[in-house]
Amino acid sequence: MSDVKLSTDEVAKVASLARLDLSDEKKELFAGQLNNILSYMDKLNEIDTKDIEPMFSPVEHTTVLRKDVVIKEHTRDEILANAPDSDGQYFVVPRIV
């Protein structure tokens, strides 16, 4: 088990790299929270997983696919009829630049 503990100075350095301005109270709070996370990670590292097969999910998934059915596509005129403004072939939008 690792006895690595983050100090408030290390939290301050990471905060500085991330361009975060933390109060001393927040640095102490985050140091404690990060140390709890690291402690939990140490516990997880102690678990023997050599006989466990890797998996991406504990639940077996099956892919349900829909039937590939041809559907009627909309024509250009039907699509352009929904546009506020068009020139017959394209949507006309206000110039931005």
PDB file of N, CA and C in Angstrom:
ATOM      1  N   MET A   1       0.841  -1.175   0.000  1.00  0.00           N
ATOM      2  CA  MET A   1       0.000   0.000   0.000  1.00  0.00           C
ATOM      3  C   MET A   1       0.888   1.242   0.000  1.00  0.00           C
ATOM      4  N   SER A   2       0.509   2.180  -0.798  1.00  0.00           N
ATOM      5  CA  SER A   2       1.274   3.410  -0.931  1.00  0.00           C
ATOM      6  C   SER A   2       0.867   4.397   0.157  1.00  0.00           C
ATOM      7  N   ASP A   3       1.854   5.109   0.665  1.00  0.00           N
ATOM      8  CA  ASP A   3       1.571   6.130   1.675  1.00  0.00           C
ATOM      9  C   ASP A   3       1.713   7.526   1.082  1.00  0.00           C
ATOM     10  N   VAL A   4       1.414   7.660  -0.194  1.00  0.00           N
ATOM     11  CA  VAL A   4       1.519   8.955  -0.859  1.00  0.00           C
ATOM     12  C   VAL A   4       0.382   9.847  -0.385  1.00  0.00           C
ATOM     13  N   LYS A   5       0.756  11.019   0.090  1.00  0.00           N
ATOM     14  CA  LYS A   5      -0.230  12.009   0.528  1.00  0.00           C
ATOM     15  C   LYS A   5       0.060  13.309  -0.207  1.00  0.00           C
ATOM     16  N   LEU A   6      -0.978  13.916  -0.722  1.00  0.00           N
ATOM     17  CA  LEU A   6      -0.821  15.206  -1.382  1.00  0.00           C
ATOM     18  C   LEU A   6      -0.842  16.316  -0.339  1.00  0.00           C
ATOM     19  N   SER A   7       0.105  17.216  -0.466  1.00  0.00           N
ATOM     20  CA  SER A   7       0.139  18.363   0.445  1.00  0.00           C
ATOM     21  C   SER A   7      -0.636  19.518  -0.178  1.00  0.00           C
ATOM     22  N   THR A   8      -0.902  20.508   0.634  1.00  0.00           N
ATOM     23  CA  THR A   8      -1.588  21.694   0.105  1.00  0.00           C
ATOM     24  C   THR A   8      -0.698  22.426  -0.893  1.00  0.00           C
ATOM     25  N   ASP A   9       0.633  22.303  -0.740  1.00  0.00           N
ATOM     26  CA  ASP A   9       1.549  22.918  -1.711  1.00  0.00           C
ATOM     27  C   ASP A   9       1.409  22.260  -3.082  1.00  0.00           C
ATOM     28  N   GLU A  10       1.264  20.929  -3.094  1.00  0.00           N
ATOM     29  CA  GLU A  10       1.084  20.227  -4.373  1.00  0.00           C
ATOM     30  C   GLU A  10      -0.259  20.583  -5.008  1.00  0.00           C
ATOM     31  N   VAL A  11      -1.283  20.704  -4.194  1.00  0.00           N
ATOM     32  CA  VAL A  11      -2.590  21.129  -4.703  1.00  0.00           C
ATOM     33  C   VAL A  11      -2.485  22.542  -5.263  1.00  0.00           C
ATOM     34  N   ALA A  12      -1.746  23.410  -4.579  1.00  0.00           N
ATOM     35  CA  ALA A  12      -1.561  24.788  -5.050  1.00  0.00           C
ATOM     36  C   ALA A  12      -0.824  24.807  -6.385  1.00  0.00           C
ATOM     37  N   LYS A  13       0.168  23.922  -6.539  1.00  0.00           N
ATOM     38  CA  LYS A  13       0.919  23.873  -7.802  1.00  0.00           C
ATOM     39  C   LYS A  13       0.017  23.428  -8.948  1.00  0.00           C
ATOM     40  N   VAL A  14      -0.780  22.392  -8.721  1.00  0.00           N
ATOM     41  CA  VAL A  14      -1.703  21.914  -9.758  1.00  0.00           C
ATOM     42  C   VAL A  14      -2.736  22.989 -10.079  1.00  0.00           C
ATOM     43  N   ALA A  15      -3.226  23.657  -9.062  1.00  0.00           N
ATOM     44  CA  ALA A  15      -4.191  24.740  -9.274  1.00  0.00           C
ATOM     45  C   ALA A  15      -3.561  25.859 -10.092  1.00  0.00           C
ATOM     46  N   SER A  16      -2.307  26.162  -9.816  1.00  0.00           N
ATOM     47  CA  SER A  16      -1.605  27.202 -10.569  1.00  0.00           C
ATOM     48  C   SER A  16      -1.447  26.793 -12.031  1.00  0.00           C
ATOM     49  N   LEU A  17      -1.095  25.537 -12.272  1.00  0.00           N
ATOM     50  CA  LEU A  17      -0.960  25.048 -13.649  1.00  0.00           C
ATOM     51  C   LEU A  17      -2.286  25.104 -14.393  1.00  0.00           C
ATOM     52  N   ALA A  18      -3.372  24.887 -13.659  1.00  0.00           N
ATOM     53  CA  ALA A  18      -4.708  24.939 -14.258  1.00  0.00           C
ATOM     54  C   ALA A  18      -5.268  26.358 -14.260  1.00  0.00           C
ATOM     55  N   ARG A  19      -4.461  27.309 -13.815  1.00  0.00           N
ATOM     56  CA  ARG A  19      -4.868  28.718 -13.754  1.00  0.00           C
ATOM     57  C   ARG A  19      -6.101  28.916 -12.870  1.00  0.00           C
ATOM     58  N   LEU A  20      -6.106  28.201 -11.732  1.00  0.00           N
ATOM     59  CA  LEU A  20      -7.184  28.337 -10.757  1.00  0.00           C
ATOM     60  C   LEU A  20      -6.659  29.084  -9.544  1.00  0.00           C
ATOM     61  N   ASP A  21      -7.436  29.988  -9.039  1.00  0.00           N
ATOM     62  CA  ASP A  21      -7.077  30.734  -7.841  1.00  0.00           C
ATOM     63  C   ASP A  21      -7.880  30.152  -6.678  1.00  0.00           C
ATOM     64  N   LEU A  22      -7.200  29.386  -5.825  1.00  0.00           N
ATOM     65  CA  LEU A  22      -7.880  28.724  -4.711  1.00  0.00           C
ATOM     66  C   LEU A  22      -7.499  29.377  -3.390  1.00  0.00           C
ATOM     67  N   SER A  23      -8.475  29.489  -2.514  1.00  0.00           N
ATOM     68  CA  SER A  23      -8.195  29.977  -1.159  1.00  0.00           C
ATOM     69  C   SER A  23      -7.491  28.866  -0.380  1.00  0.00           C
ATOM     70  N   ASP A  24      -6.893  29.227   0.744  1.00  0.00           N
ATOM     71  CA  ASP A  24      -6.213  28.230   1.575  1.00  0.00           C
ATOM     72  C   ASP A  24      -7.185  27.164   2.066  1.00  0.00           C
ATOM     73  N   GLU A  25      -8.429  27.571   2.363  1.00  0.00           N
ATOM     74  CA  GLU A  25      -9.433  26.603   2.821  1.00  0.00           C
ATOM     75  C   GLU A  25      -9.740  25.587   1.719  1.00  0.00           C
ATOM     76  N   LYS A  26      -9.857  26.080   0.484  1.00  0.00           N
ATOM     77  CA  LYS A  26     -10.149  25.179  -0.642  1.00  0.00           C
ATOM     78  C   LYS A  26      -8.974  24.239  -0.900  1.00  0.00           C
ATOM     79  N   LYS A  27      -7.754  24.745  -0.772  1.00  0.00           N
ATOM     80  CA  LYS A  27      -6.574  23.897  -0.968  1.00  0.00           C
ATOM     81  C   LYS A  27      -6.576  22.754   0.035  1.00  0.00           C
ATOM     82  N   GLU A  28      -6.878  23.065   1.294  1.00  0.00           N
ATOM     83  CA  GLU A  28      -6.937  22.025   2.323  1.00  0.00           C
ATOM     84  C   GLU A  28      -8.073  21.045   2.041  1.00  0.00           C
ATOM     85  N   LEU A  29      -9.218  21.570   1.622  1.00  0.00           N
ATOM     86  CA  LEU A  29     -10.362  20.719   1.307  1.00  0.00           C
ATOM     87  C   LEU A  29     -10.024  19.769   0.165  1.00  0.00           C
ATOM     88  N   PHE A  30      -9.458  20.309  -0.920  1.00  0.00           N
ATOM     89  CA  PHE A  30      -9.133  19.483  -2.082  1.00  0.00           C
ATOM     90  C   PHE A  30      -8.011  18.499  -1.777  1.00  0.00           C
ATOM     91  N   ALA A  31      -7.050  18.893  -0.955  1.00  0.00           N
ATOM     92  CA  ALA A  31      -5.982  17.968  -0.569  1.00  0.00           C
ATOM     93  C   ALA A  31      -6.583  16.772   0.163  1.00  0.00           C
ATOM     94  N   GLY A  32      -7.506  17.037   1.086  1.00  0.00           N
ATOM     95  CA  GLY A  32      -8.162  15.942   1.810  1.00  0.00           C
ATOM     96  C   GLY A  32      -8.970  15.049   0.891  1.00  0.00           C
ATOM     97  N   GLN A  33      -9.731  15.658  -0.013  1.00  0.00           N
ATOM     98  CA  GLN A  33     -10.545  14.868  -0.939  1.00  0.00           C
ATOM     99  C   GLN A  33      -9.671  14.032  -1.874  1.00  0.00           C
ATOM    100  N   LEU A  34      -8.606  14.637  -2.394  1.00  0.00           N
ATOM    101  CA  LEU A  34      -7.715  13.891  -3.286  1.00  0.00           C
ATOM    102  C   LEU A  34      -6.997  12.772  -2.547  1.00  0.00           C
ATOM    103  N   ASN A  35      -6.629  12.999  -1.298  1.00  0.00           N
ATOM    104  CA  ASN A  35      -6.007  11.938  -0.505  1.00  0.00           C
ATOM    105  C   ASN A  35      -6.983  10.788  -0.267  1.00  0.00           C
ATOM    106  N   ASN A  36      -8.261  11.088  -0.062  1.00  0.00           N
ATOM    107  CA  ASN A  36      -9.267  10.030   0.072  1.00  0.00           C
ATOM    108  C   ASN A  36      -9.376   9.220  -1.215  1.00  0.00           C
ATOM    109  N   ILE A  37      -9.344   9.897  -2.346  1.00  0.00           N
ATOM    110  CA  ILE A  37      -9.419   9.208  -3.641  1.00  0.00           C
ATOM    111  C   ILE A  37      -8.193   8.322  -3.835  1.00  0.00           C
ATOM    112  N   LEU A  38      -7.003   8.851  -3.524  1.00  0.00           N
ATOM    113  CA  LEU A  38      -5.778   8.056  -3.665  1.00  0.00           C
ATOM    114  C   LEU A  38      -5.786   6.854  -2.730  1.00  0.00           C
ATOM    115  N   SER A  39      -6.320   7.025  -1.531  1.00  0.00           N
ATOM    116  CA  SER A  39      -6.425   5.917  -0.588  1.00  0.00           C
ATOM    117  C   SER A  39      -7.342   4.828  -1.143  1.00  0.00           C
ATOM    118  N   TYR A  40      -8.447   5.237  -1.735  1.00  0.00           N
ATOM    119  CA  TYR A  40      -9.372   4.275  -2.336  1.00  0.00           C
ATOM    120  C   TYR A  40      -8.707   3.563  -3.511  1.00  0.00           C
ATOM    121  N   MET A  41      -7.935   4.294  -4.307  1.00  0.00           N
ATOM    122  CA  MET A  41      -7.235   3.672  -5.433  1.00  0.00           C
ATOM    123  C   MET A  41      -6.229   2.637  -4.933  1.00  0.00           C
ATOM    124  N   ASP A  42      -5.573   2.915  -3.810  1.00  0.00           N
ATOM    125  CA  ASP A  42      -4.657   1.938  -3.223  1.00  0.00           C
ATOM    126  C   ASP A  42      -5.399   0.663  -2.844  1.00  0.00           C
ATOM    127  N   LYS A  43      -6.592   0.802  -2.274  1.00  0.00           N
ATOM    128  CA  LYS A  43      -7.393  -0.372  -1.921  1.00  0.00           C
ATOM    129  C   LYS A  43      -7.752  -1.172  -3.171  1.00  0.00           C
ATOM    130  N   LEU A  44      -8.108  -0.478  -4.249  1.00  0.00           N
ATOM    131  CA  LEU A  44      -8.440  -1.170  -5.494  1.00  0.00           C
ATOM    132  C   LEU A  44      -7.227  -1.889  -6.071  1.00  0.00           C
ATOM    133  N   ASN A  45      -6.052  -1.300  -5.930  1.00  0.00           N
ATOM    134  CA  ASN A  45      -4.831  -1.925  -6.445  1.00  0.00           C
ATOM    135  C   ASN A  45      -4.462  -3.188  -5.680  1.00  0.00           C
ATOM    136  N   GLU A  46      -4.949  -3.351  -4.463  1.00  0.00           N
ATOM    137  CA  GLU A  46      -4.660  -4.544  -3.670  1.00  0.00           C
ATOM    138  C   GLU A  46      -5.471  -5.758  -4.116  1.00  0.00           C
ATOM    139  N   ILE A  47      -6.509  -5.552  -4.889  1.00  0.00           N
ATOM    140  CA  ILE A  47      -7.381  -6.648  -5.313  1.00  0.00           C
ATOM    141  C   ILE A  47      -6.675  -7.483  -6.367  1.00  0.00           C
ATOM    142  N   ASP A  48      -6.698  -8.813  -6.175  1.00  0.00           N
ATOM    143  CA  ASP A  48      -6.077  -9.731  -7.129  1.00  0.00           C
ATOM    144  C   ASP A  48      -7.042  -9.962  -8.292  1.00  0.00           C
ATOM    145  N   THR A  49      -6.670  -9.496  -9.471  1.00  0.00           N
ATOM    146  CA  THR A  49      -7.536  -9.624 -10.649  1.00  0.00           C
ATOM    147  C   THR A  49      -6.900 -10.471 -11.744  1.00  0.00           C
ATOM    148  N   LYS A  50      -5.848 -11.250 -11.410  1.00  0.00           N
ATOM    149  CA  LYS A  50      -5.149 -11.992 -12.463  1.00  0.00           C
ATOM    150  C   LYS A  50      -6.016 -13.083 -13.089  1.00  0.00           C
ATOM    151  N   ASP A  51      -6.993 -13.619 -12.381  1.00  0.00           N
ATOM    152  CA  ASP A  51      -7.845 -14.674 -12.934  1.00  0.00           C
ATOM    153  C   ASP A  51      -9.175 -14.142 -13.455  1.00  0.00           C
ATOM    154  N   ILE A  52      -9.317 -12.847 -13.541  1.00  0.00           N
ATOM    155  CA  ILE A  52     -10.568 -12.249 -14.008  1.00  0.00           C
ATOM    156  C   ILE A  52     -10.374 -11.738 -15.423  1.00  0.00           C
ATOM    157  N   GLU A  53     -11.271 -12.173 -16.315  1.00  0.00           N
ATOM    158  CA  GLU A  53     -11.169 -11.735 -17.702  1.00  0.00           C
ATOM    159  C   GLU A  53     -11.580 -10.272 -17.823  1.00  0.00           C
ATOM    160  N   PRO A  54     -10.858  -9.532 -18.663  1.00  0.00           N
ATOM    161  CA  PRO A  54     -11.248  -8.135 -18.877  1.00  0.00           C
ATOM    162  C   PRO A  54     -12.626  -8.048 -19.519  1.00  0.00           C
ATOM    163  N   MET A  55     -13.368  -7.019 -19.179  1.00  0.00           N
ATOM    164  CA  MET A  55     -14.680  -6.811 -19.781  1.00  0.00           C
ATOM    165  C   MET A  55     -14.961  -5.324 -19.859  1.00  0.00           C
ATOM    166  N   PHE A  56     -15.880  -4.967 -20.730  1.00  0.00           N
ATOM    167  CA  PHE A  56     -16.229  -3.556 -20.851  1.00  0.00           C
ATOM    168  C   PHE A  56     -17.534  -3.255 -20.148  1.00  0.00           C
ATOM    169  N   SER A  57     -18.287  -4.303 -19.788  1.00  0.00           N
ATOM    170  CA  SER A  57     -19.550  -4.092 -19.095  1.00  0.00           C
ATOM    171  C   SER A  57     -19.905  -5.363 -18.330  1.00  0.00           C
ATOM    172  N   PRO A  58     -20.477  -5.245 -17.145  1.00  0.00           N
ATOM    173  CA  PRO A  58     -20.889  -6.438 -16.411  1.00  0.00           C
ATOM    174  C   PRO A  58     -22.150  -7.078 -16.983  1.00  0.00           C
ATOM    175  N   VAL A  59     -22.821  -6.386 -17.886  1.00  0.00           N
ATOM    176  CA  VAL A  59     -24.051  -6.880 -18.487  1.00  0.00           C
ATOM    177  C   VAL A  59     -23.777  -7.229 -19.941  1.00  0.00           C
ATOM    178  N   GLU A  60     -24.231  -8.405 -20.362  1.00  0.00           N
ATOM    179  CA  GLU A  60     -24.034  -8.787 -21.759  1.00  0.00           C
ATOM    180  C   GLU A  60     -24.993  -7.999 -22.639  1.00  0.00           C
ATOM    181  N   HIS A  61     -24.434  -7.355 -23.638  1.00  0.00           N
ATOM    182  CA  HIS A  61     -25.237  -6.531 -24.533  1.00  0.00           C
ATOM    183  C   HIS A  61     -25.420  -7.240 -25.870  1.00  0.00           C
ATOM    184  N   THR A  62     -26.596  -7.104 -26.417  1.00  0.00           N
ATOM    185  CA  THR A  62     -26.824  -7.557 -27.782  1.00  0.00           C
ATOM    186  C   THR A  62     -27.299  -6.356 -28.572  1.00  0.00           C
ATOM    187  N   THR A  63     -26.821  -6.264 -29.786  1.00  0.00           N
ATOM    188  CA  THR A  63     -27.193  -5.138 -30.617  1.00  0.00           C
ATOM    189  C   THR A  63     -28.477  -5.470 -31.353  1.00  0.00           C
ATOM    190  N   VAL A  64     -29.463  -4.648 -31.151  1.00  0.00           N
ATOM    191  CA  VAL A  64     -30.731  -4.829 -31.841  1.00  0.00           C
ATOM    192  C   VAL A  64     -30.738  -3.862 -33.014  1.00  0.00           C
ATOM    193  N   LEU A  65     -30.773  -4.419 -34.198  1.00  0.00           N
ATOM    194  CA  LEU A  65     -30.760  -3.595 -35.399  1.00  0.00           C
ATOM    195  C   LEU A  65     -32.144  -3.570 -36.022  1.00  0.00           C
ATOM    196  N   ARG A  66     -32.469  -2.446 -36.587  1.00  0.00           N
ATOM    197  CA  ARG A  66     -33.743  -2.361 -37.294  1.00  0.00           C
ATOM    198  C   ARG A  66     -33.563  -2.946 -38.687  1.00  0.00           C
ATOM    199  N   LYS A  67     -34.656  -3.321 -39.299  1.00  0.00           N
ATOM    200  CA  LYS A  67     -34.589  -3.821 -40.663  1.00  0.00           C
ATOM    201  C   LYS A  67     -34.218  -2.668 -41.582  1.00  0.00           C
ATOM    202  N   ASP A  68     -33.416  -2.966 -42.572  1.00  0.00           N
ATOM    203  CA  ASP A  68     -32.987  -1.962 -43.535  1.00  0.00           C
ATOM    204  C   ASP A  68     -34.049  -1.864 -44.619  1.00  0.00           C
ATOM    205  N   VAL A  69     -34.956  -0.911 -44.420  1.00  0.00           N
ATOM    206  CA  VAL A  69     -36.089  -0.760 -45.322  1.00  0.00           C
ATOM    207  C   VAL A  69     -35.944   0.556 -46.075  1.00  0.00           C
ATOM    208  N   VAL A  70     -36.198   0.514 -47.373  1.00  0.00           N
ATOM    209  CA  VAL A  70     -36.143   1.722 -48.178  1.00  0.00           C
ATOM    210  C   VAL A  70     -37.368   2.565 -47.866  1.00  0.00           C
ATOM    211  N   ILE A  71     -37.130   3.845 -47.610  1.00  0.00           N
ATOM    212  CA  ILE A  71     -38.239   4.751 -47.345  1.00  0.00           C
ATOM    213  C   ILE A  71     -38.242   5.843 -48.402  1.00  0.00           C
ATOM    214  N   LYS A  72     -39.392   6.478 -48.560  1.00  0.00           N
ATOM    215  CA  LYS A  72     -39.507   7.557 -49.528  1.00  0.00           C
ATOM    216  C   LYS A  72     -38.727   8.752 -49.007  1.00  0.00           C
ATOM    217  N   GLU A  73     -37.832   9.247 -49.841  1.00  0.00           N
ATOM    218  CA  GLU A  73     -37.074  10.428 -49.462  1.00  0.00           C
ATOM    219  C   GLU A  73     -37.830  11.669 -49.884  1.00  0.00           C
ATOM    220  N   HIS A  74     -37.561  12.748 -49.203  1.00  0.00           N
ATOM    221  CA  HIS A  74     -38.183  14.018 -49.554  1.00  0.00           C
ATOM    222  C   HIS A  74     -37.470  14.612 -50.763  1.00  0.00           C
ATOM    223  N   THR A  75     -38.220  15.276 -51.584  1.00  0.00           N
ATOM    224  CA  THR A  75     -37.627  15.930 -52.743  1.00  0.00           C
ATOM    225  C   THR A  75     -37.031  17.266 -52.315  1.00  0.00           C
ATOM    226  N   ARG A  76     -36.200  17.816 -53.174  1.00  0.00           N
ATOM    227  CA  ARG A  76     -35.592  19.113 -52.891  1.00  0.00           C
ATOM    228  C   ARG A  76     -36.665  20.177 -52.696  1.00  0.00           C
ATOM    229  N   ASP A  77     -37.684  20.146 -53.527  1.00  0.00           N
ATOM    230  CA  ASP A  77     -38.752  21.141 -53.416  1.00  0.00           C
ATOM    231  C   ASP A  77     -39.493  21.027 -52.086  1.00  0.00           C
ATOM    232  N   GLU A  78     -39.726  19.798 -51.606  1.00  0.00           N
ATOM    233  CA  GLU A  78     -40.403  19.613 -50.321  1.00  0.00           C
ATOM    234  C   GLU A  78     -39.555  20.162 -49.170  1.00  0.00           C
ATOM    235  N   ILE A  79     -38.266  19.946 -49.246  1.00  0.00           N
ATOM    236  CA  ILE A  79     -37.378  20.431 -48.187  1.00  0.00           C
ATOM    237  C   ILE A  79     -37.281  21.949 -48.229  1.00  0.00           C
ATOM    238  N   LEU A  80     -37.101  22.512 -49.429  1.00  0.00           N
ATOM    239  CA  LEU A  80     -36.967  23.962 -49.549  1.00  0.00           C
ATOM    240  C   LEU A  80     -38.266  24.689 -49.217  1.00  0.00           C
ATOM    241  N   ALA A  81     -39.390  23.993 -49.294  1.00  0.00           N
ATOM    242  CA  ALA A  81     -40.670  24.614 -48.953  1.00  0.00           C
ATOM    243  C   ALA A  81     -40.724  24.983 -47.468  1.00  0.00           C
ATOM    244  N   ASN A  82     -39.915  24.326 -46.638  1.00  0.00           N
ATOM    245  CA  ASN A  82     -39.872  24.614 -45.203  1.00  0.00           C
ATOM    246  C   ASN A  82     -38.922  25.753 -44.854  1.00  0.00           C
ATOM    247  N   ALA A  83     -38.124  26.195 -45.812  1.00  0.00           N
ATOM    248  CA  ALA A  83     -37.137  27.240 -45.542  1.00  0.00           C
ATOM    249  C   ALA A  83     -37.796  28.612 -45.568  1.00  0.00           C
ATOM    250  N   PRO A  84     -37.355  29.526 -44.694  1.00  0.00           N
ATOM    251  CA  PRO A  84     -37.909  30.878 -44.733  1.00  0.00           C
ATOM    252  C   PRO A  84     -37.575  31.585 -46.042  1.00  0.00           C
ATOM    253  N   ASP A  85     -36.408  31.261 -46.623  1.00  0.00           N
ATOM    254  CA  ASP A  85     -36.005  31.896 -47.879  1.00  0.00           C
ATOM    255  C   ASP A  85     -35.121  30.930 -48.653  1.00  0.00           C
ATOM    256  N   SER A  86     -35.372  30.804 -49.947  1.00  0.00           N
ATOM    257  CA  SER A  86     -34.542  29.953 -50.798  1.00  0.00           C
ATOM    258  C   SER A  86     -34.510  30.553 -52.190  1.00  0.00           C
ATOM    259  N   ASP A  87     -33.527  30.101 -52.991  1.00  0.00           N
ATOM    260  CA  ASP A  87     -33.449  30.601 -54.361  1.00  0.00           C
ATOM    261  C   ASP A  87     -33.849  29.521 -55.362  1.00  0.00           C
ATOM    262  N   GLY A  88     -34.525  28.501 -54.907  1.00  0.00           N
ATOM    263  CA  GLY A  88     -34.956  27.419 -55.786  1.00  0.00           C
ATOM    264  C   GLY A  88     -34.101  26.175 -55.647  1.00  0.00           C
ATOM    265  N   GLN A  89     -32.821  26.358 -55.339  1.00  0.00           N
ATOM    266  CA  GLN A  89     -31.926  25.208 -55.163  1.00  0.00           C
ATOM    267  C   GLN A  89     -31.259  25.183 -53.788  1.00  0.00           C
ATOM    268  N   TYR A  90     -31.137  26.347 -53.152  1.00  0.00           N
ATOM    269  CA  TYR A  90     -30.378  26.454 -51.915  1.00  0.00           C
ATOM    270  C   TYR A  90     -31.154  27.254 -50.874  1.00  0.00           C
ATOM    271  N   PHE A  91     -30.776  27.034 -49.608  1.00  0.00           N
ATOM    272  CA  PHE A  91     -31.282  27.882 -48.540  1.00  0.00           C
ATOM    273  C   PHE A  91     -30.578  29.232 -48.641  1.00  0.00           C
ATOM    274  N   VAL A  92     -31.305  30.296 -48.433  1.00  0.00           N
ATOM    275  CA  VAL A  92     -30.713  31.630 -48.397  1.00  0.00           C
ATOM    276  C   VAL A  92     -30.718  32.085 -46.944  1.00  0.00           C
ATOM    277  N   VAL A  93     -29.512  32.433 -46.465  1.00  0.00           N
ATOM    278  CA  VAL A  93     -29.367  32.860 -45.076  1.00  0.00           C
ATOM    279  C   VAL A  93     -28.713  34.233 -45.050  1.00  0.00           C
ATOM    280  N   PRO A  94     -28.887  34.972 -43.970  1.00  0.00           N
ATOM    281  CA  PRO A  94     -28.263  36.293 -43.887  1.00  0.00           C
ATOM    282  C   PRO A  94     -26.737  36.183 -43.876  1.00  0.00           C
ATOM    283  N   ARG A  95     -26.099  37.144 -44.499  1.00  0.00           N
ATOM    284  CA  ARG A  95     -24.641  37.185 -44.502  1.00  0.00           C
ATOM    285  C   ARG A  95     -24.158  37.540 -43.095  1.00  0.00           C
ATOM    286  N   ILE A  96     -23.162  36.819 -42.607  1.00  0.00           N
ATOM    287  CA  ILE A  96     -22.665  37.015 -41.248  1.00  0.00           C
ATOM    288  C   ILE A  96     -21.436  37.920 -41.234  1.00  0.00           C
ATOM    289  N   VAL A  97     -20.550  37.732 -42.180  1.00  0.00           N
ATOM    290  CA  VAL A  97     -19.288  38.480 -42.183  1.00  0.00           C
ATOM    291  C   VAL A  97     -19.397  39.715 -43.034  1.00  0.00           C
TER     292      VAL A  97
END
